[in-house]
Amino acid sequence: MIWDLAGDDSFKELRPNFYDGAMGLVIMFDLTRADTFKSLPNWIQEAVRFIRRRVPLIVVGNKADLQPYVIDQSMAERYATGIGSRFIATSAKTGSNVADLFEQVGMLIHEKSQSEAVRAGRRKGIE
């Protein structure tokens, strides 16, 4: 299941309910608005607080179809790399990189579940 948690503060009380059982996380900001980029750490902190385990994370810069960018893509890439994540620029309007984003999320979730299964199998073999 995929949930879109609105950034609007009026939904803040509801958001914790949707983090339960999350297997991956996509944190999106608007490439044309610096305030949305600056709020990324807050969103990540909130997700970590409610998910309580490590899950694959992709940082997404949306509105890649609009110019000028306020947030340079290289800055977003450095931020994502610095937190152990990936960055992808998308456009919801044109669909650019949207399918790629979901493919990457799916692959990361699959890889994590496979590595967890291998570790669980090793632990069972030792018992």
N, C-alpha and C. Protein backbone atom coordinates (compact mmCIF):
# COMPACT_ATOMS: atom_id res chain seq x y z
N MET A 1 0.83 -1.17 0.00
CA MET A 1 0.00 0.00 0.00
C MET A 1 0.88 1.25 0.00
N ILE A 2 0.44 2.27 -0.65
CA ILE A 2 1.18 3.53 -0.69
C ILE A 2 0.30 4.62 -0.10
N TRP A 3 0.87 5.35 0.85
CA TRP A 3 0.16 6.46 1.48
C TRP A 3 0.83 7.76 1.11
N ASP A 4 0.05 8.77 0.83
CA ASP A 4 0.55 10.11 0.59
C ASP A 4 0.17 10.94 1.81
N LEU A 5 1.17 11.22 2.65
CA LEU A 5 0.91 11.99 3.86
C LEU A 5 1.07 13.46 3.56
N ALA A 6 -0.01 14.17 3.57
CA ALA A 6 0.01 15.59 3.23
C ALA A 6 0.89 16.38 4.19
N GLY A 7 1.60 17.35 3.65
CA GLY A 7 2.46 18.19 4.46
C GLY A 7 1.72 19.25 5.25
N ASP A 8 0.46 19.41 4.96
CA ASP A 8 -0.37 20.40 5.64
C ASP A 8 -0.48 20.06 7.12
N ASP A 9 -0.26 21.05 7.98
CA ASP A 9 -0.32 20.82 9.43
C ASP A 9 -1.68 20.35 9.92
N SER A 10 -2.73 20.56 9.15
CA SER A 10 -4.05 20.11 9.59
C SER A 10 -4.14 18.58 9.61
N PHE A 11 -3.21 17.89 8.94
CA PHE A 11 -3.17 16.43 8.94
C PHE A 11 -2.17 15.87 9.94
N LYS A 12 -1.48 16.72 10.66
CA LYS A 12 -0.39 16.30 11.53
C LYS A 12 -0.82 15.24 12.54
N GLU A 13 -1.99 15.38 13.11
CA GLU A 13 -2.47 14.42 14.11
C GLU A 13 -2.74 13.04 13.51
N LEU A 14 -3.05 12.98 12.24
CA LEU A 14 -3.37 11.71 11.60
C LEU A 14 -2.14 10.96 11.11
N ARG A 15 -1.08 11.68 10.82
CA ARG A 15 0.10 11.06 10.18
C ARG A 15 0.69 9.88 10.93
N PRO A 16 0.82 9.91 12.26
CA PRO A 16 1.44 8.76 12.94
C PRO A 16 0.76 7.43 12.64
N ASN A 17 -0.53 7.43 12.40
CA ASN A 17 -1.26 6.19 12.11
C ASN A 17 -0.80 5.54 10.82
N PHE A 18 -0.31 6.31 9.90
CA PHE A 18 0.06 5.79 8.60
C PHE A 18 1.51 5.28 8.54
N TYR A 19 2.31 5.60 9.51
CA TYR A 19 3.69 5.13 9.52
C TYR A 19 3.79 3.67 9.95
N ASP A 20 2.84 3.18 10.71
CA ASP A 20 2.88 1.81 11.23
C ASP A 20 2.98 0.80 10.08
N GLY A 21 3.99 -0.04 10.14
CA GLY A 21 4.18 -1.06 9.12
C GLY A 21 4.85 -0.58 7.84
N ALA A 22 5.30 0.66 7.81
CA ALA A 22 5.94 1.18 6.60
C ALA A 22 7.19 0.37 6.27
N MET A 23 7.34 0.05 5.00
CA MET A 23 8.50 -0.71 4.54
C MET A 23 9.47 0.15 3.75
N GLY A 24 9.06 1.33 3.39
CA GLY A 24 9.89 2.26 2.64
C GLY A 24 9.35 3.66 2.81
N LEU A 25 10.19 4.62 2.49
CA LEU A 25 9.82 6.01 2.72
C LEU A 25 10.29 6.88 1.55
N VAL A 26 9.38 7.69 1.04
CA VAL A 26 9.69 8.67 0.01
C VAL A 26 9.39 10.03 0.62
N ILE A 27 10.41 10.85 0.75
CA ILE A 27 10.24 12.20 1.29
C ILE A 27 10.39 13.17 0.12
N MET A 28 9.36 13.94 -0.14
CA MET A 28 9.33 14.79 -1.32
C MET A 28 9.38 16.27 -0.95
N PHE A 29 10.10 17.03 -1.75
CA PHE A 29 10.11 18.48 -1.61
C PHE A 29 9.93 19.11 -2.98
N ASP A 30 9.64 20.38 -2.99
CA ASP A 30 9.39 21.15 -4.20
C ASP A 30 10.69 21.84 -4.61
N LEU A 31 11.21 21.50 -5.78
CA LEU A 31 12.47 22.09 -6.25
C LEU A 31 12.41 23.60 -6.39
N THR A 32 11.21 24.17 -6.43
CA THR A 32 11.07 25.61 -6.62
C THR A 32 10.80 26.35 -5.32
N ARG A 33 10.81 25.63 -4.19
CA ARG A 33 10.54 26.27 -2.89
C ARG A 33 11.55 25.80 -1.85
N ALA A 34 12.42 26.70 -1.43
CA ALA A 34 13.48 26.36 -0.47
C ALA A 34 12.92 25.89 0.86
N ASP A 35 11.79 26.44 1.29
CA ASP A 35 11.24 26.05 2.59
C ASP A 35 10.89 24.57 2.64
N THR A 36 10.49 23.99 1.53
CA THR A 36 10.16 22.57 1.54
C THR A 36 11.42 21.71 1.66
N PHE A 37 12.52 22.18 1.05
CA PHE A 37 13.80 21.46 1.19
C PHE A 37 14.30 21.56 2.62
N LYS A 38 14.18 22.74 3.21
CA LYS A 38 14.65 22.94 4.58
C LYS A 38 13.84 22.12 5.59
N SER A 39 12.64 21.73 5.24
CA SER A 39 11.81 20.95 6.16
C SER A 39 12.07 19.44 6.08
N LEU A 40 12.92 19.00 5.15
CA LEU A 40 13.21 17.57 5.02
C LEU A 40 13.67 16.93 6.32
N PRO A 41 14.61 17.53 7.06
CA PRO A 41 15.03 16.90 8.32
C PRO A 41 13.87 16.69 9.29
N ASN A 42 12.92 17.61 9.32
CA ASN A 42 11.77 17.46 10.21
C ASN A 42 10.91 16.27 9.80
N TRP A 43 10.70 16.13 8.50
CA TRP A 43 9.91 15.00 8.01
C TRP A 43 10.60 13.68 8.31
N ILE A 44 11.90 13.64 8.09
CA ILE A 44 12.64 12.41 8.34
C ILE A 44 12.63 12.08 9.82
N GLN A 45 12.82 13.08 10.66
CA GLN A 45 12.78 12.87 12.11
C GLN A 45 11.41 12.33 12.53
N GLU A 46 10.35 12.89 12.00
CA GLU A 46 9.01 12.40 12.34
C GLU A 46 8.84 10.94 11.92
N ALA A 47 9.27 10.61 10.71
CA ALA A 47 9.14 9.24 10.22
C ALA A 47 9.94 8.27 11.08
N VAL A 48 11.17 8.63 11.41
CA VAL A 48 12.01 7.77 12.26
C VAL A 48 11.36 7.55 13.62
N ARG A 49 10.79 8.59 14.17
CA ARG A 49 10.14 8.49 15.49
C ARG A 49 8.99 7.49 15.47
N PHE A 50 8.22 7.46 14.40
CA PHE A 50 7.05 6.60 14.37
C PHE A 50 7.29 5.23 13.73
N ILE A 51 8.24 5.13 12.82
CA ILE A 51 8.52 3.83 12.19
C ILE A 51 9.38 2.97 13.11
N ARG A 52 10.34 3.56 13.79
CA ARG A 52 11.19 2.91 14.79
C ARG A 52 12.06 1.77 14.28
N ARG A 53 12.32 1.75 13.01
CA ARG A 53 13.29 0.81 12.45
C ARG A 53 13.79 1.43 11.14
N ARG A 54 14.89 0.90 10.66
CA ARG A 54 15.48 1.45 9.44
C ARG A 54 14.73 0.92 8.22
N VAL A 55 14.29 1.84 7.37
CA VAL A 55 13.62 1.46 6.12
C VAL A 55 14.28 2.22 4.97
N PRO A 56 14.20 1.68 3.76
CA PRO A 56 14.75 2.40 2.61
C PRO A 56 14.09 3.77 2.46
N LEU A 57 14.91 4.75 2.12
CA LEU A 57 14.45 6.13 1.98
C LEU A 57 14.94 6.71 0.66
N ILE A 58 14.05 7.38 -0.04
CA ILE A 58 14.42 8.12 -1.24
C ILE A 58 13.94 9.56 -1.08
N VAL A 59 14.85 10.49 -1.33
CA VAL A 59 14.52 11.92 -1.30
C VAL A 59 14.15 12.33 -2.72
N VAL A 60 12.99 12.96 -2.86
CA VAL A 60 12.48 13.32 -4.18
C VAL A 60 12.31 14.83 -4.30
N GLY A 61 12.88 15.38 -5.36
CA GLY A 61 12.64 16.77 -5.71
C GLY A 61 11.59 16.82 -6.80
N ASN A 62 10.42 17.32 -6.49
CA ASN A 62 9.33 17.35 -7.46
C ASN A 62 9.27 18.71 -8.17
N LYS A 63 8.49 18.77 -9.20
CA LYS A 63 8.33 19.94 -10.07
C LYS A 63 9.59 20.19 -10.90
N ALA A 64 10.21 19.10 -11.34
CA ALA A 64 11.41 19.20 -12.16
C ALA A 64 11.12 19.84 -13.51
N ASP A 65 9.84 19.97 -13.85
CA ASP A 65 9.46 20.60 -15.12
C ASP A 65 9.46 22.12 -15.04
N LEU A 66 9.57 22.67 -13.84
CA LEU A 66 9.53 24.13 -13.67
C LEU A 66 10.93 24.70 -13.49
N GLN A 67 11.14 25.86 -14.02
CA GLN A 67 12.41 26.57 -13.88
C GLN A 67 12.10 27.97 -13.38
N PRO A 68 12.94 28.64 -12.69
CA PRO A 68 14.22 28.14 -12.21
C PRO A 68 14.05 27.33 -10.93
N TYR A 69 14.98 26.40 -10.73
CA TYR A 69 15.02 25.66 -9.47
C TYR A 69 15.58 26.58 -8.41
N VAL A 70 15.02 26.55 -7.24
CA VAL A 70 15.58 27.26 -6.10
C VAL A 70 16.60 26.36 -5.42
N ILE A 71 16.34 25.07 -5.46
CA ILE A 71 17.25 24.07 -4.89
C ILE A 71 17.95 23.37 -6.04
N ASP A 72 19.25 23.52 -6.11
CA ASP A 72 20.05 22.88 -7.13
C ASP A 72 20.02 21.36 -6.91
N GLN A 73 19.91 20.61 -8.00
CA GLN A 73 19.83 19.16 -7.86
C GLN A 73 21.09 18.57 -7.22
N SER A 74 22.24 19.17 -7.47
CA SER A 74 23.47 18.65 -6.85
C SER A 74 23.43 18.84 -5.34
N MET A 75 22.80 19.92 -4.87
CA MET A 75 22.65 20.13 -3.43
C MET A 75 21.74 19.05 -2.84
N ALA A 76 20.67 18.74 -3.54
CA ALA A 76 19.75 17.71 -3.08
C ALA A 76 20.42 16.34 -3.09
N GLU A 77 21.24 16.07 -4.10
CA GLU A 77 21.97 14.80 -4.16
C GLU A 77 22.95 14.68 -2.99
N ARG A 78 23.66 15.77 -2.68
CA ARG A 78 24.59 15.75 -1.54
C ARG A 78 23.84 15.50 -0.23
N TYR A 79 22.70 16.14 -0.07
CA TYR A 79 21.90 15.94 1.14
C TYR A 79 21.47 14.47 1.25
N ALA A 80 20.94 13.93 0.17
CA ALA A 80 20.47 12.54 0.19
C ALA A 80 21.63 11.59 0.49
N THR A 81 22.75 11.78 -0.16
CA THR A 81 23.92 10.93 0.08
C THR A 81 24.37 11.04 1.52
N GLY A 82 24.34 12.24 2.07
CA GLY A 82 24.76 12.47 3.45
C GLY A 82 23.91 11.76 4.48
N ILE A 83 22.67 11.46 4.14
CA ILE A 83 21.81 10.73 5.09
C ILE A 83 21.65 9.27 4.69
N GLY A 84 22.49 8.81 3.75
CA GLY A 84 22.45 7.41 3.33
C GLY A 84 21.27 7.08 2.44
N SER A 85 20.88 8.04 1.63
CA SER A 85 19.70 7.88 0.79
C SER A 85 20.04 8.11 -0.67
N ARG A 86 19.03 8.06 -1.49
CA ARG A 86 19.15 8.38 -2.90
C ARG A 86 18.32 9.62 -3.18
N PHE A 87 18.65 10.30 -4.28
CA PHE A 87 17.85 11.44 -4.72
C PHE A 87 17.36 11.19 -6.13
N ILE A 88 16.14 11.60 -6.40
CA ILE A 88 15.61 11.56 -7.76
C ILE A 88 14.74 12.79 -7.96
N ALA A 89 14.88 13.40 -9.13
CA ALA A 89 14.04 14.56 -9.49
C ALA A 89 12.88 14.05 -10.34
N THR A 90 11.67 14.48 -10.01
CA THR A 90 10.48 14.03 -10.72
C THR A 90 9.62 15.22 -11.13
N SER A 91 8.67 14.92 -11.98
CA SER A 91 7.62 15.89 -12.30
C SER A 91 6.29 15.16 -12.27
N ALA A 92 5.46 15.50 -11.32
CA ALA A 92 4.12 14.91 -11.28
C ALA A 92 3.31 15.36 -12.49
N LYS A 93 3.59 16.56 -12.97
CA LYS A 93 2.85 17.12 -14.11
C LYS A 93 3.12 16.36 -15.40
N THR A 94 4.41 16.11 -15.69
CA THR A 94 4.76 15.43 -16.94
C THR A 94 4.94 13.93 -16.76
N GLY A 95 5.07 13.48 -15.53
CA GLY A 95 5.30 12.06 -15.25
C GLY A 95 6.77 11.68 -15.31
N SER A 96 7.64 12.65 -15.56
CA SER A 96 9.07 12.38 -15.67
C SER A 96 9.62 11.75 -14.39
N ASN A 97 10.25 10.59 -14.55
CA ASN A 97 10.90 9.83 -13.48
C ASN A 97 9.96 9.29 -12.41
N VAL A 98 8.66 9.43 -12.57
CA VAL A 98 7.74 8.91 -11.55
C VAL A 98 7.77 7.39 -11.52
N ALA A 99 7.69 6.75 -12.68
CA ALA A 99 7.76 5.28 -12.73
C ALA A 99 9.10 4.80 -12.18
N ASP A 100 10.18 5.50 -12.53
CA ASP A 100 11.52 5.14 -12.03
C ASP A 100 11.57 5.24 -10.51
N LEU A 101 10.94 6.26 -9.95
CA LEU A 101 10.90 6.42 -8.50
C LEU A 101 10.26 5.19 -7.86
N PHE A 102 9.10 4.78 -8.35
CA PHE A 102 8.41 3.63 -7.75
C PHE A 102 9.18 2.34 -7.97
N GLU A 103 9.85 2.21 -9.11
CA GLU A 103 10.70 1.04 -9.34
C GLU A 103 11.84 1.00 -8.33
N GLN A 104 12.49 2.15 -8.10
CA GLN A 104 13.59 2.20 -7.14
C GLN A 104 13.11 1.87 -5.73
N VAL A 105 11.97 2.42 -5.34
CA VAL A 105 11.43 2.13 -4.01
C VAL A 105 11.16 0.64 -3.88
N GLY A 106 10.51 0.07 -4.88
CA GLY A 106 10.21 -1.36 -4.85
C GLY A 106 11.46 -2.21 -4.77
N MET A 107 12.49 -1.86 -5.55
CA MET A 107 13.74 -2.61 -5.52
C MET A 107 14.41 -2.51 -4.16
N LEU A 108 14.45 -1.32 -3.58
CA LEU A 108 15.08 -1.15 -2.27
C LEU A 108 14.35 -1.94 -1.19
N ILE A 109 13.03 -1.92 -1.22
CA ILE A 109 12.25 -2.69 -0.25
C ILE A 109 12.50 -4.18 -0.44
N HIS A 110 12.51 -4.64 -1.68
CA HIS A 110 12.76 -6.05 -1.96
C HIS A 110 14.16 -6.47 -1.49
N GLU A 111 15.16 -5.66 -1.82
CA GLU A 111 16.53 -5.97 -1.39
C GLU A 111 16.63 -6.05 0.12
N LYS A 112 16.00 -5.13 0.82
CA LYS A 112 16.05 -5.14 2.28
C LYS A 112 15.35 -6.37 2.83
N SER A 113 14.20 -6.72 2.29
CA SER A 113 13.49 -7.90 2.80
C SER A 113 14.28 -9.17 2.52
N GLN A 114 14.97 -9.23 1.38
CA GLN A 114 15.79 -10.39 1.06
C GLN A 114 16.97 -10.51 2.02
N SER A 115 17.64 -9.39 2.30
CA SER A 115 18.79 -9.45 3.22
C SER A 115 18.33 -9.79 4.63
N GLU A 116 17.16 -9.32 5.03
CA GLU A 116 16.63 -9.68 6.35
C GLU A 116 16.28 -11.16 6.41
N ALA A 117 15.76 -11.71 5.32
CA ALA A 117 15.43 -13.14 5.28
C ALA A 117 16.70 -13.98 5.37
N VAL A 118 17.76 -13.54 4.70
CA VAL A 118 19.03 -14.26 4.76
C VAL A 118 19.57 -14.23 6.18
N ARG A 119 19.54 -13.06 6.82
CA ARG A 119 20.02 -12.97 8.21
C ARG A 119 19.18 -13.83 9.14
N ALA A 120 17.88 -13.85 8.95
CA ALA A 120 17.00 -14.66 9.79
C ALA A 120 17.30 -16.14 9.59
N GLY A 121 17.58 -16.53 8.35
CA GLY A 121 17.93 -17.91 8.06
C GLY A 121 19.24 -18.31 8.71
N ARG A 122 20.21 -17.42 8.73
CA ARG A 122 21.49 -17.70 9.37
C ARG A 122 21.31 -17.89 10.87
N ARG A 123 20.48 -17.05 11.48
CA ARG A 123 20.24 -17.18 12.92
C ARG A 123 19.57 -18.51 13.23
N LYS A 124 18.62 -18.93 12.40
CA LYS A 124 17.94 -20.20 12.63
C LYS A 124 18.91 -21.36 12.47
N GLY A 125 19.84 -21.25 11.53
CA GLY A 125 20.81 -22.30 11.31
C GLY A 125 21.76 -22.47 12.48
N ILE A 126 22.01 -21.42 13.23
CA ILE A 126 22.93 -21.47 14.36
C ILE A 126 22.28 -22.12 15.57
N GLU A 127 20.97 -21.95 15.71
CA GLU A 127 20.26 -22.46 16.88
C GLU A 127 20.33 -23.90 16.98
